[in-house]
Amino acid sequence: RGDLVFWKGHVGMLMDTDTLIHANAHHMAVAVEPFAEARARIAAR
């Protein structure tokens, strides 16, 4: 919890090992989502 996850041009914060909170253009809002799902979508798109 509290660790930061970086991509090239993006950052989110872990709520726990399985959950990410981040402001993002996919949701056009600050949103919480499963880390694995966010990671797969961000990598692909």
All heavy atoms as atom14 arrays in JSON, in Angstrom:
{
  "sequence": "RGDLVFWKGHVGMLMDTDTLIHANAHHMAVAVEPFAEARARIAAR",
  "atom14_mask": [
    [1, 1, 1, 1, 1, 1, 1, 1, 1, 1, 1, 0, 0, 0],
    [1, 1, 1, 1, 0, 0, 0, 0, 0, 0, 0, 0, 0, 0],
    [1, 1, 1, 1, 1, 1, 1, 1, 0, 0, 0, 0, 0, 0],
    [1, 1, 1, 1, 1, 1, 1, 1, 0, 0, 0, 0, 0, 0],
    [1, 1, 1, 1, 1, 1, 1, 0, 0, 0, 0, 0, 0, 0],
    [1, 1, 1, 1, 1, 1, 1, 1, 1, 1, 1, 0, 0, 0],
    [1, 1, 1, 1, 1, 1, 1, 1, 1, 1, 1, 1, 1, 1],
    [1, 1, 1, 1, 1, 1, 1, 1, 1, 0, 0, 0, 0, 0],
    [1, 1, 1, 1, 0, 0, 0, 0, 0, 0, 0, 0, 0, 0],
    [1, 1, 1, 1, 1, 1, 1, 1, 1, 1, 0, 0, 0, 0],
    [1, 1, 1, 1, 1, 1, 1, 0, 0, 0, 0, 0, 0, 0],
    [1, 1, 1, 1, 0, 0, 0, 0, 0, 0, 0, 0, 0, 0],
    [1, 1, 1, 1, 1, 1, 1, 1, 0, 0, 0, 0, 0, 0],
    [1, 1, 1, 1, 1, 1, 1, 1, 0, 0, 0, 0, 0, 0],
    [1, 1, 1, 1, 1, 1, 1, 1, 0, 0, 0, 0, 0, 0],
    [1, 1, 1, 1, 1, 1, 1, 1, 0, 0, 0, 0, 0, 0],
    [1, 1, 1, 1, 1, 1, 1, 0, 0, 0, 0, 0, 0, 0],
    [1, 1, 1, 1, 1, 1, 1, 1, 0, 0, 0, 0, 0, 0],
    [1, 1, 1, 1, 1, 1, 1, 0, 0, 0, 0, 0, 0, 0],
    [1, 1, 1, 1, 1, 1, 1, 1, 0, 0, 0, 0, 0, 0],
    [1, 1, 1, 1, 1, 1, 1, 1, 0, 0, 0, 0, 0, 0],
    [1, 1, 1, 1, 1, 1, 1, 1, 1, 1, 0, 0, 0, 0],
    [1, 1, 1, 1, 1, 0, 0, 0, 0, 0, 0, 0, 0, 0],
    [1, 1, 1, 1, 1, 1, 1, 1, 0, 0, 0, 0, 0, 0],
    [1, 1, 1, 1, 1, 0, 0, 0, 0, 0, 0, 0, 0, 0],
    [1, 1, 1, 1, 1, 1, 1, 1, 1, 1, 0, 0, 0, 0],
    [1, 1, 1, 1, 1, 1, 1, 1, 1, 1, 0, 0, 0, 0],
    [1, 1, 1, 1, 1, 1, 1, 1, 0, 0, 0, 0, 0, 0],
    [1, 1, 1, 1, 1, 0, 0, 0, 0, 0, 0, 0, 0, 0],
    [1, 1, 1, 1, 1, 1, 1, 0, 0, 0, 0, 0, 0, 0],
    [1, 1, 1, 1, 1, 0, 0, 0, 0, 0, 0, 0, 0, 0],
    [1, 1, 1, 1, 1, 1, 1, 0, 0, 0, 0, 0, 0, 0],
    [1, 1, 1, 1, 1, 1, 1, 1, 1, 0, 0, 0, 0, 0],
    [1, 1, 1, 1, 1, 1, 1, 0, 0, 0, 0, 0, 0, 0],
    [1, 1, 1, 1, 1, 1, 1, 1, 1, 1, 1, 0, 0, 0],
    [1, 1, 1, 1, 1, 0, 0, 0, 0, 0, 0, 0, 0, 0],
    [1, 1, 1, 1, 1, 1, 1, 1, 1, 0, 0, 0, 0, 0],
    [1, 1, 1, 1, 1, 0, 0, 0, 0, 0, 0, 0, 0, 0],
    [1, 1, 1, 1, 1, 1, 1, 1, 1, 1, 1, 0, 0, 0],
    [1, 1, 1, 1, 1, 0, 0, 0, 0, 0, 0, 0, 0, 0],
    [1, 1, 1, 1, 1, 1, 1, 1, 1, 1, 1, 0, 0, 0],
    [1, 1, 1, 1, 1, 1, 1, 1, 0, 0, 0, 0, 0, 0],
    [1, 1, 1, 1, 1, 0, 0, 0, 0, 0, 0, 0, 0, 0],
    [1, 1, 1, 1, 1, 0, 0, 0, 0, 0, 0, 0, 0, 0],
    [1, 1, 1, 1, 1, 1, 1, 1, 1, 1, 1, 0, 0, 0]
  ],
  "atom14_positions": [
    [[0.83, -1.19, 0.0], [0.0, 0.0, 0.0], [0.88, 1.26, 0.0], [1.82, 1.39, 0.78], [-0.9, 0.0, 1.24], [-1.84, 1.2, 1.35], [-2.71, 1.06, 2.59], [-3.56, 2.22, 2.82], [-4.77, 2.39, 2.32], [-5.29, 1.47, 1.55], [-5.48, 3.47, 2.6], [0.0, 0.0, 0.0], [0.0, 0.0, 0.0], [0.0, 0.0, 0.0]],
    [[0.54, 2.18, -0.89], [1.25, 3.44, -0.98], [2.38, 3.46, -1.99], [2.9, 4.53, -2.31], [0.0, 0.0, 0.0], [0.0, 0.0, 0.0], [0.0, 0.0, 0.0], [0.0, 0.0, 0.0], [0.0, 0.0, 0.0], [0.0, 0.0, 0.0], [0.0, 0.0, 0.0], [0.0, 0.0, 0.0], [0.0, 0.0, 0.0], [0.0, 0.0, 0.0]],
    [[2.77, 2.3, -2.51], [3.81, 2.29, -3.54], [3.27, 2.91, -4.83], [2.07, 2.84, -5.13], [4.28, 0.86, -3.82], [5.16, 0.31, -2.71], [5.55, 1.09, -1.82], [5.44, -0.91, -2.73], [0.0, 0.0, 0.0], [0.0, 0.0, 0.0], [0.0, 0.0, 0.0], [0.0, 0.0, 0.0], [0.0, 0.0, 0.0], [0.0, 0.0, 0.0]],
    [[4.17, 3.49, -5.59], [3.82, 4.13, -6.85], [4.22, 3.23, -8.01], [5.33, 2.67, -8.03], [4.53, 5.48, -6.98], [4.32, 6.47, -5.84], [5.1, 7.75, -6.1], [2.83, 6.77, -5.64], [0.0, 0.0, 0.0], [0.0, 0.0, 0.0], [0.0, 0.0, 0.0], [0.0, 0.0, 0.0], [0.0, 0.0, 0.0], [0.0, 0.0, 0.0]],
    [[3.32, 3.11, -8.98], [3.58, 2.3, -10.17], [3.69, 3.24, -11.37], [2.78, 4.03, -11.63], [2.45, 1.28, -10.4], [2.79, 0.39, -11.59], [2.22, 0.43, -9.15], [0.0, 0.0, 0.0], [0.0, 0.0, 0.0], [0.0, 0.0, 0.0], [0.0, 0.0, 0.0], [0.0, 0.0, 0.0], [0.0, 0.0, 0.0], [0.0, 0.0, 0.0]],
    [[4.82, 3.13, -12.08], [5.08, 4.04, -13.19], [5.06, 3.31, -14.53], [5.57, 2.2, -14.66], [6.45, 4.71, -13.03], [6.52, 5.68, -11.88], [6.99, 5.28, -10.64], [6.1, 6.99, -12.04], [7.06, 6.17, -9.58], [6.16, 7.9, -10.99], [6.63, 7.48, -9.75], [0.0, 0.0, 0.0], [0.0, 0.0, 0.0], [0.0, 0.0, 0.0]],
    [[4.47, 3.97, -15.49], [4.59, 3.64, -16.89], [5.21, 4.86, -17.58], [5.32, 5.91, -16.97], [3.23, 3.35, -17.51], [2.54, 2.12, -17.04], [2.51, 0.9, -17.67], [1.72, 1.96, -15.86], [1.76, 0.0, -16.96], [1.26, 0.63, -15.84], [1.36, 2.82, -14.82], [0.45, 0.14, -14.83], [0.55, 2.34, -13.81], [0.1, 1.02, -13.81]],
    [[5.6, 4.74, -18.82], [6.12, 5.9, -19.53], [4.97, 6.87, -19.81], [4.18, 6.66, -20.72], [6.8, 5.48, -20.83], [7.5, 6.64, -21.55], [8.25, 6.16, -22.77], [8.87, 7.33, -23.53], [9.8, 8.13, -22.71], [0.0, 0.0, 0.0], [0.0, 0.0, 0.0], [0.0, 0.0, 0.0], [0.0, 0.0, 0.0], [0.0, 0.0, 0.0]],
    [[4.86, 7.91, -18.97], [3.79, 8.89, -19.14], [2.61, 8.69, -18.22], [1.6, 9.4, -18.36], [0.0, 0.0, 0.0], [0.0, 0.0, 0.0], [0.0, 0.0, 0.0], [0.0, 0.0, 0.0], [0.0, 0.0, 0.0], [0.0, 0.0, 0.0], [0.0, 0.0, 0.0], [0.0, 0.0, 0.0], [0.0, 0.0, 0.0], [0.0, 0.0, 0.0]],
    [[2.71, 7.78, -17.25], [1.56, 7.55, -16.37], [2.06, 7.07, -15.01], [3.13, 6.46, -14.9], [0.61, 6.53, -16.97], [-0.69, 6.39, -16.22], [-1.56, 7.43, -16.01], [-1.24, 5.31, -15.59], [-2.6, 7.01, -15.32], [-2.43, 5.73, -15.04], [0.0, 0.0, 0.0], [0.0, 0.0, 0.0], [0.0, 0.0, 0.0], [0.0, 0.0, 0.0]],
    [[1.25, 7.32, -13.97], [1.57, 6.85, -12.63], [0.28, 6.59, -11.87], [-0.73, 7.27, -12.06], [2.44, 7.88, -11.86], [1.72, 9.21, -11.68], [2.9, 7.34, -10.5], [0.0, 0.0, 0.0], [0.0, 0.0, 0.0], [0.0, 0.0, 0.0], [0.0, 0.0, 0.0], [0.0, 0.0, 0.0], [0.0, 0.0, 0.0], [0.0, 0.0, 0.0]],
    [[0.31, 5.57, -11.04], [-0.8, 5.27, -10.15], [-0.25, 4.89, -8.78], [0.96, 4.72, -8.6], [0.0, 0.0, 0.0], [0.0, 0.0, 0.0], [0.0, 0.0, 0.0], [0.0, 0.0, 0.0], [0.0, 0.0, 0.0], [0.0, 0.0, 0.0], [0.0, 0.0, 0.0], [0.0, 0.0, 0.0], [0.0, 0.0, 0.0], [0.0, 0.0, 0.0]],
    [[-1.16, 4.72, -7.82], [-0.76, 4.38, -6.45], [-1.48, 3.1, -6.02], [-2.69, 2.95, -6.24], [-1.15, 5.54, -5.52], [-0.79, 5.34, -4.06], [-1.21, 6.8, -3.04], [0.12, 7.92, -3.5], [0.0, 0.0, 0.0], [0.0, 0.0, 0.0], [0.0, 0.0, 0.0], [0.0, 0.0, 0.0], [0.0, 0.0, 0.0], [0.0, 0.0, 0.0]],
    [[-0.73, 2.19, -5.42], [-1.32, 0.95, -4.96], [-2.08, 1.17, -3.66], [-1.55, 1.73, -2.7], [-0.24, -0.11, -4.74], [0.44, -0.68, -5.99], [1.55, -1.63, -5.59], [-0.57, -1.39, -6.89], [0.0, 0.0, 0.0], [0.0, 0.0, 0.0], [0.0, 0.0, 0.0], [0.0, 0.0, 0.0], [0.0, 0.0, 0.0], [0.0, 0.0, 0.0]],
    [[-3.34, 0.7, -3.64], [-4.12, 0.68, -2.41], [-3.78, -0.57, -1.61], [-3.84, -0.58, -0.39], [-5.6, 0.74, -2.73], [-6.02, 2.01, -3.46], [-7.76, 2.0, -3.92], [-8.54, 2.05, -2.31], [0.0, 0.0, 0.0], [0.0, 0.0, 0.0], [0.0, 0.0, 0.0], [0.0, 0.0, 0.0], [0.0, 0.0, 0.0], [0.0, 0.0, 0.0]],
    [[-3.48, -1.63, -2.33], [-2.93, -2.87, -1.77], [-2.28, -3.58, -2.96], [-2.21, -3.01, -4.06], [-4.02, -3.73, -1.1], [-5.2, -4.01, -2.01], [-4.99, -4.42, -3.18], [-6.35, -3.81, -1.58], [0.0, 0.0, 0.0], [0.0, 0.0, 0.0], [0.0, 0.0, 0.0], [0.0, 0.0, 0.0], [0.0, 0.0, 0.0], [0.0, 0.0, 0.0]],
    [[-1.8, -4.77, -2.78], [-1.06, -5.43, -3.86], [-1.92, -5.71, -5.09], [-1.39, -5.91, -6.19], [-0.45, -6.75, -3.37], [-1.5, -7.59, -2.84], [0.59, -6.5, -2.29], [0.0, 0.0, 0.0], [0.0, 0.0, 0.0], [0.0, 0.0, 0.0], [0.0, 0.0, 0.0], [0.0, 0.0, 0.0], [0.0, 0.0, 0.0], [0.0, 0.0, 0.0]],
    [[-3.24, -5.7, -4.93], [-4.13, -6.07, -6.04], [-4.97, -4.91, -6.58], [-5.75, -5.11, -7.51], [-5.1, -7.19, -5.58], [-4.36, -8.44, -5.14], [-3.38, -8.82, -5.82], [-4.74, -9.02, -4.12], [0.0, 0.0, 0.0], [0.0, 0.0, 0.0], [0.0, 0.0, 0.0], [0.0, 0.0, 0.0], [0.0, 0.0, 0.0], [0.0, 0.0, 0.0]],
    [[-4.83, -3.71, -6.0], [-5.74, -2.62, -6.35], [-4.97, -1.34, -6.6], [-4.1, -0.96, -5.81], [-6.75, -2.38, -5.21], [-7.29, -3.64, -4.78], [-7.89, -1.49, -5.68], [0.0, 0.0, 0.0], [0.0, 0.0, 0.0], [0.0, 0.0, 0.0], [0.0, 0.0, 0.0], [0.0, 0.0, 0.0], [0.0, 0.0, 0.0], [0.0, 0.0, 0.0]],
    [[-5.33, -0.66, -7.69], [-4.67, 0.57, -8.1], [-5.66, 1.73, -8.08], [-6.81, 1.58, -8.51], [-4.12, 0.41, -9.51], [-3.27, 1.57, -10.06], [-1.88, 1.53, -9.44], [-3.17, 1.48, -11.59], [0.0, 0.0, 0.0], [0.0, 0.0, 0.0], [0.0, 0.0, 0.0], [0.0, 0.0, 0.0], [0.0, 0.0, 0.0], [0.0, 0.0, 0.0]],
    [[-5.23, 2.88, -7.58], [-6.01, 4.1, -7.7], [-5.2, 5.06, -8.56], [-3.99, 5.24, -8.36], [-6.35, 4.73, -6.33], [-7.23, 5.98, -6.52], [-5.11, 5.04, -5.5], [-7.84, 6.5, -5.23], [0.0, 0.0, 0.0], [0.0, 0.0, 0.0], [0.0, 0.0, 0.0], [0.0, 0.0, 0.0], [0.0, 0.0, 0.0], [0.0, 0.0, 0.0]],
    [[-5.86, 5.65, -9.55], [-5.15, 6.58, -10.45], [-6.16, 7.45, -11.19], [-7.3, 7.07, -11.44], [-4.26, 5.82, -11.45], [-4.95, 4.82, -12.32], [-4.51, 4.51, -13.59], [-6.07, 4.04, -12.12], [-5.29, 3.6, -14.14], [-6.24, 3.29, -13.26], [0.0, 0.0, 0.0], [0.0, 0.0, 0.0], [0.0, 0.0, 0.0], [0.0, 0.0, 0.0]],
    [[-5.72, 8.65, -11.51], [-6.48, 9.53, -12.4], [-6.1, 9.13, -13.82], [-4.92, 9.1, -14.16], [-6.14, 10.99, -12.13], [0.0, 0.0, 0.0], [0.0, 0.0, 0.0], [0.0, 0.0, 0.0], [0.0, 0.0, 0.0], [0.0, 0.0, 0.0], [0.0, 0.0, 0.0], [0.0, 0.0, 0.0], [0.0, 0.0, 0.0], [0.0, 0.0, 0.0]],
    [[-7.1, 8.84, -14.64], [-6.76, 8.31, -15.96], [-7.8, 8.66, -17.01], [-8.97, 8.89, -16.7], [-6.57, 6.79, -15.88], [-7.85, 6.06, -15.52], [-8.61, 5.66, -16.38], [-8.11, 5.91, -14.21], [0.0, 0.0, 0.0], [0.0, 0.0, 0.0], [0.0, 0.0, 0.0], [0.0, 0.0, 0.0], [0.0, 0.0, 0.0], [0.0, 0.0, 0.0]],
    [[-7.35, 8.71, -18.24], [-8.23, 9.11, -19.35], [-9.17, 8.0, -19.77], [-10.16, 8.27, -20.46], [-7.38, 9.57, -20.53], [0.0, 0.0, 0.0], [0.0, 0.0, 0.0], [0.0, 0.0, 0.0], [0.0, 0.0, 0.0], [0.0, 0.0, 0.0], [0.0, 0.0, 0.0], [0.0, 0.0, 0.0], [0.0, 0.0, 0.0], [0.0, 0.0, 0.0]],
    [[-8.89, 6.74, -19.37], [-9.81, 5.65, -19.7], [-11.14, 5.86, -18.99], [-12.21, 5.71, -19.58], [-9.19, 4.32, -19.29], [-10.09, 3.14, -19.51], [-10.35, 2.63, -20.76], [-10.8, 2.38, -18.63], [-11.17, 1.59, -20.65], [-11.46, 1.42, -19.36], [0.0, 0.0, 0.0], [0.0, 0.0, 0.0], [0.0, 0.0, 0.0], [0.0, 0.0, 0.0]],
    [[-11.08, 6.2, -17.71], [-12.3, 6.49, -16.94], [-12.65, 7.97, -16.97], [-13.73, 8.36, -16.56], [-12.11, 6.06, -15.48], [-11.92, 4.58, -15.3], [-10.66, 4.01, -15.23], [-12.81, 3.57, -15.15], [-10.78, 2.7, -15.05], [-12.07, 2.41, -15.0], [0.0, 0.0, 0.0], [0.0, 0.0, 0.0], [0.0, 0.0, 0.0], [0.0, 0.0, 0.0]],
    [[-11.72, 8.82, -17.42], [-11.84, 10.28, -17.36], [-12.16, 10.74, -15.95], [-12.94, 11.67, -15.72], [-12.9, 10.78, -18.35], [-12.44, 10.77, -19.8], [-10.89, 11.68, -20.09], [-11.4, 13.37, -19.79], [0.0, 0.0, 0.0], [0.0, 0.0, 0.0], [0.0, 0.0, 0.0], [0.0, 0.0, 0.0], [0.0, 0.0, 0.0], [0.0, 0.0, 0.0]],
    [[-11.51, 10.09, -14.98], [-11.76, 10.38, -13.57], [-10.7, 9.7, -12.72], [-9.94, 8.85, -13.2], [-13.15, 9.88, -13.16], [0.0, 0.0, 0.0], [0.0, 0.0, 0.0], [0.0, 0.0, 0.0], [0.0, 0.0, 0.0], [0.0, 0.0, 0.0], [0.0, 0.0, 0.0], [0.0, 0.0, 0.0], [0.0, 0.0, 0.0], [0.0, 0.0, 0.0]],
    [[-10.67, 10.05, -11.45], [-9.91, 9.28, -10.47], [-10.7, 8.02, -10.2], [-11.88, 8.06, -9.84], [-9.7, 10.07, -9.17], [-8.98, 9.2, -8.14], [-8.92, 11.35, -9.43], [0.0, 0.0, 0.0], [0.0, 0.0, 0.0], [0.0, 0.0, 0.0], [0.0, 0.0, 0.0], [0.0, 0.0, 0.0], [0.0, 0.0, 0.0], [0.0, 0.0, 0.0]],
    [[-10.07, 6.87, -10.42], [-10.79, 5.6, -10.34], [-9.95, 4.55, -9.63], [-8.72, 4.63, -9.59], [-11.17, 5.12, -11.73], [0.0, 0.0, 0.0], [0.0, 0.0, 0.0], [0.0, 0.0, 0.0], [0.0, 0.0, 0.0], [0.0, 0.0, 0.0], [0.0, 0.0, 0.0], [0.0, 0.0, 0.0], [0.0, 0.0, 0.0], [0.0, 0.0, 0.0]],
    [[-10.65, 3.55, -9.09], [-10.02, 2.38, -8.49], [-10.33, 1.19, -9.38], [-11.46, 1.02, -9.83], [-10.56, 2.14, -7.06], [-10.1, 0.78, -6.54], [-10.12, 3.26, -6.13], [0.0, 0.0, 0.0], [0.0, 0.0, 0.0], [0.0, 0.0, 0.0], [0.0, 0.0, 0.0], [0.0, 0.0, 0.0], [0.0, 0.0, 0.0], [0.0, 0.0, 0.0]],
    [[-9.32, 0.38, -9.64], [-9.56, -0.83, -10.44], [-8.54, -1.9, -10.07], [-7.48, -1.59, -9.49], [-9.52, -0.53, -11.93], [-8.22, 0.05, -12.45], [-8.29, 0.34, -13.93], [-8.86, -0.48, -14.69], [-7.77, 1.39, -14.36], [0.0, 0.0, 0.0], [0.0, 0.0, 0.0], [0.0, 0.0, 0.0], [0.0, 0.0, 0.0], [0.0, 0.0, 0.0]],
    [[-8.84, -3.16, -10.39], [-7.87, -4.22, -10.12], [-6.55, -3.93, -10.83], [-6.53, -3.58, -12.02], [-8.56, -5.46, -10.68], [-10.02, -5.15, -10.61], [-10.12, -3.69, -10.91], [0.0, 0.0, 0.0], [0.0, 0.0, 0.0], [0.0, 0.0, 0.0], [0.0, 0.0, 0.0], [0.0, 0.0, 0.0], [0.0, 0.0, 0.0], [0.0, 0.0, 0.0]],
    [[-5.47, -4.07, -10.1], [-4.16, -3.74, -10.65], [-3.86, -4.56, -11.9], [-3.35, -4.03, -12.91], [-3.1, -3.97, -9.57], [-1.7, -3.69, -10.0], [-1.4, -2.67, -10.88], [-0.64, -4.46, -9.49], [-0.08, -2.41, -11.27], [0.66, -4.2, -9.87], [0.94, -3.18, -10.76], [0.0, 0.0, 0.0], [0.0, 0.0, 0.0], [0.0, 0.0, 0.0]],
    [[-4.18, -5.84, -11.88], [-3.88, -6.7, -13.02], [-4.62, -6.24, -14.28], [-4.06, -6.24, -15.38], [-4.24, -8.15, -12.7], [0.0, 0.0, 0.0], [0.0, 0.0, 0.0], [0.0, 0.0, 0.0], [0.0, 0.0, 0.0], [0.0, 0.0, 0.0], [0.0, 0.0, 0.0], [0.0, 0.0, 0.0], [0.0, 0.0, 0.0], [0.0, 0.0, 0.0]],
    [[-5.89, -5.84, -14.09], [-6.67, -5.37, -15.25], [-6.11, -4.05, -15.79], [-6.0, -3.87, -17.01], [-8.13, -5.2, -14.85], [-8.85, -6.5, -14.56], [-10.32, -6.28, -14.22], [-10.84, -5.16, -14.47], [-10.94, -7.22, -13.69], [0.0, 0.0, 0.0], [0.0, 0.0, 0.0], [0.0, 0.0, 0.0], [0.0, 0.0, 0.0], [0.0, 0.0, 0.0]],
    [[-5.79, -3.15, -14.89], [-5.23, -1.87, -15.32], [-3.9, -2.09, -16.04], [-3.64, -1.48, -17.09], [-5.04, -0.96, -14.11], [0.0, 0.0, 0.0], [0.0, 0.0, 0.0], [0.0, 0.0, 0.0], [0.0, 0.0, 0.0], [0.0, 0.0, 0.0], [0.0, 0.0, 0.0], [0.0, 0.0, 0.0], [0.0, 0.0, 0.0], [0.0, 0.0, 0.0]],
    [[-3.08, -2.95, -15.47], [-1.77, -3.21, -16.07], [-1.9, -3.77, -17.49], [-1.2, -3.33, -18.41], [-0.99, -4.17, -15.19], [0.4, -4.48, -15.67], [1.15, -5.35, -14.67], [2.53, -5.52, -15.06], [3.45, -6.14, -14.32], [3.1, -6.63, -13.13], [4.69, -6.25, -14.74], [0.0, 0.0, 0.0], [0.0, 0.0, 0.0], [0.0, 0.0, 0.0]],
    [[-2.81, -4.72, -17.68], [-3.0, -5.32, -19.0], [-3.53, -4.3, -20.0], [-3.07, -4.24, -21.15], [-3.96, -6.51, -18.89], [0.0, 0.0, 0.0], [0.0, 0.0, 0.0], [0.0, 0.0, 0.0], [0.0, 0.0, 0.0], [0.0, 0.0, 0.0], [0.0, 0.0, 0.0], [0.0, 0.0, 0.0], [0.0, 0.0, 0.0], [0.0, 0.0, 0.0]],
    [[-4.5, -3.5, -19.58], [-5.07, -2.5, -20.5], [-4.04, -1.45, -20.89], [-3.9, -1.08, -22.06], [-6.28, -1.82, -19.87], [-6.98, -0.85, -20.83], [-8.02, 0.02, -20.16], [-7.43, 1.03, -19.29], [-7.5, 1.0, -17.97], [-8.15, 0.03, -17.36], [-6.94, 1.96, -17.26], [0.0, 0.0, 0.0], [0.0, 0.0, 0.0], [0.0, 0.0, 0.0]],
    [[-3.31, -0.97, -19.9], [-2.32, 0.08, -20.15], [-1.21, -0.45, -21.07], [-0.75, 0.25, -21.98], [-1.75, 0.6, -18.83], [-2.83, 1.4, -18.08], [-0.52, 1.46, -19.05], [-2.47, 1.75, -16.65], [0.0, 0.0, 0.0], [0.0, 0.0, 0.0], [0.0, 0.0, 0.0], [0.0, 0.0, 0.0], [0.0, 0.0, 0.0], [0.0, 0.0, 0.0]],
    [[-0.8, -1.68, -20.85], [0.25, -2.26, -21.7], [-0.22, -2.39, -23.14], [0.54, -2.15, -24.08], [0.67, -3.62, -21.15], [0.0, 0.0, 0.0], [0.0, 0.0, 0.0], [0.0, 0.0, 0.0], [0.0, 0.0, 0.0], [0.0, 0.0, 0.0], [0.0, 0.0, 0.0], [0.0, 0.0, 0.0], [0.0, 0.0, 0.0], [0.0, 0.0, 0.0]],
    [[-1.49, -2.76, -23.32], [-2.01, -3.02, -24.66], [-2.39, -1.74, -25.42], [-2.23, -1.66, -26.63], [-3.22, -3.95, -24.56], [0.0, 0.0, 0.0], [0.0, 0.0, 0.0], [0.0, 0.0, 0.0], [0.0, 0.0, 0.0], [0.0, 0.0, 0.0], [0.0, 0.0, 0.0], [0.0, 0.0, 0.0], [0.0, 0.0, 0.0], [0.0, 0.0, 0.0]],
    [[-2.87, -0.74, -24.69], [-3.5, 0.39, -25.38], [-2.84, 1.74, -25.16], [-3.08, 2.66, -25.95], [-4.97, 0.49, -24.93], [-5.82, -0.71, -25.28], [-7.22, -0.55, -24.73], [-7.81, 0.75, -25.07], [-8.96, 1.2, -24.56], [-9.61, 0.47, -23.67], [-9.44, 2.37, -24.92], [0.0, 0.0, 0.0], [0.0, 0.0, 0.0], [0.0, 0.0, 0.0]]
  ]
}
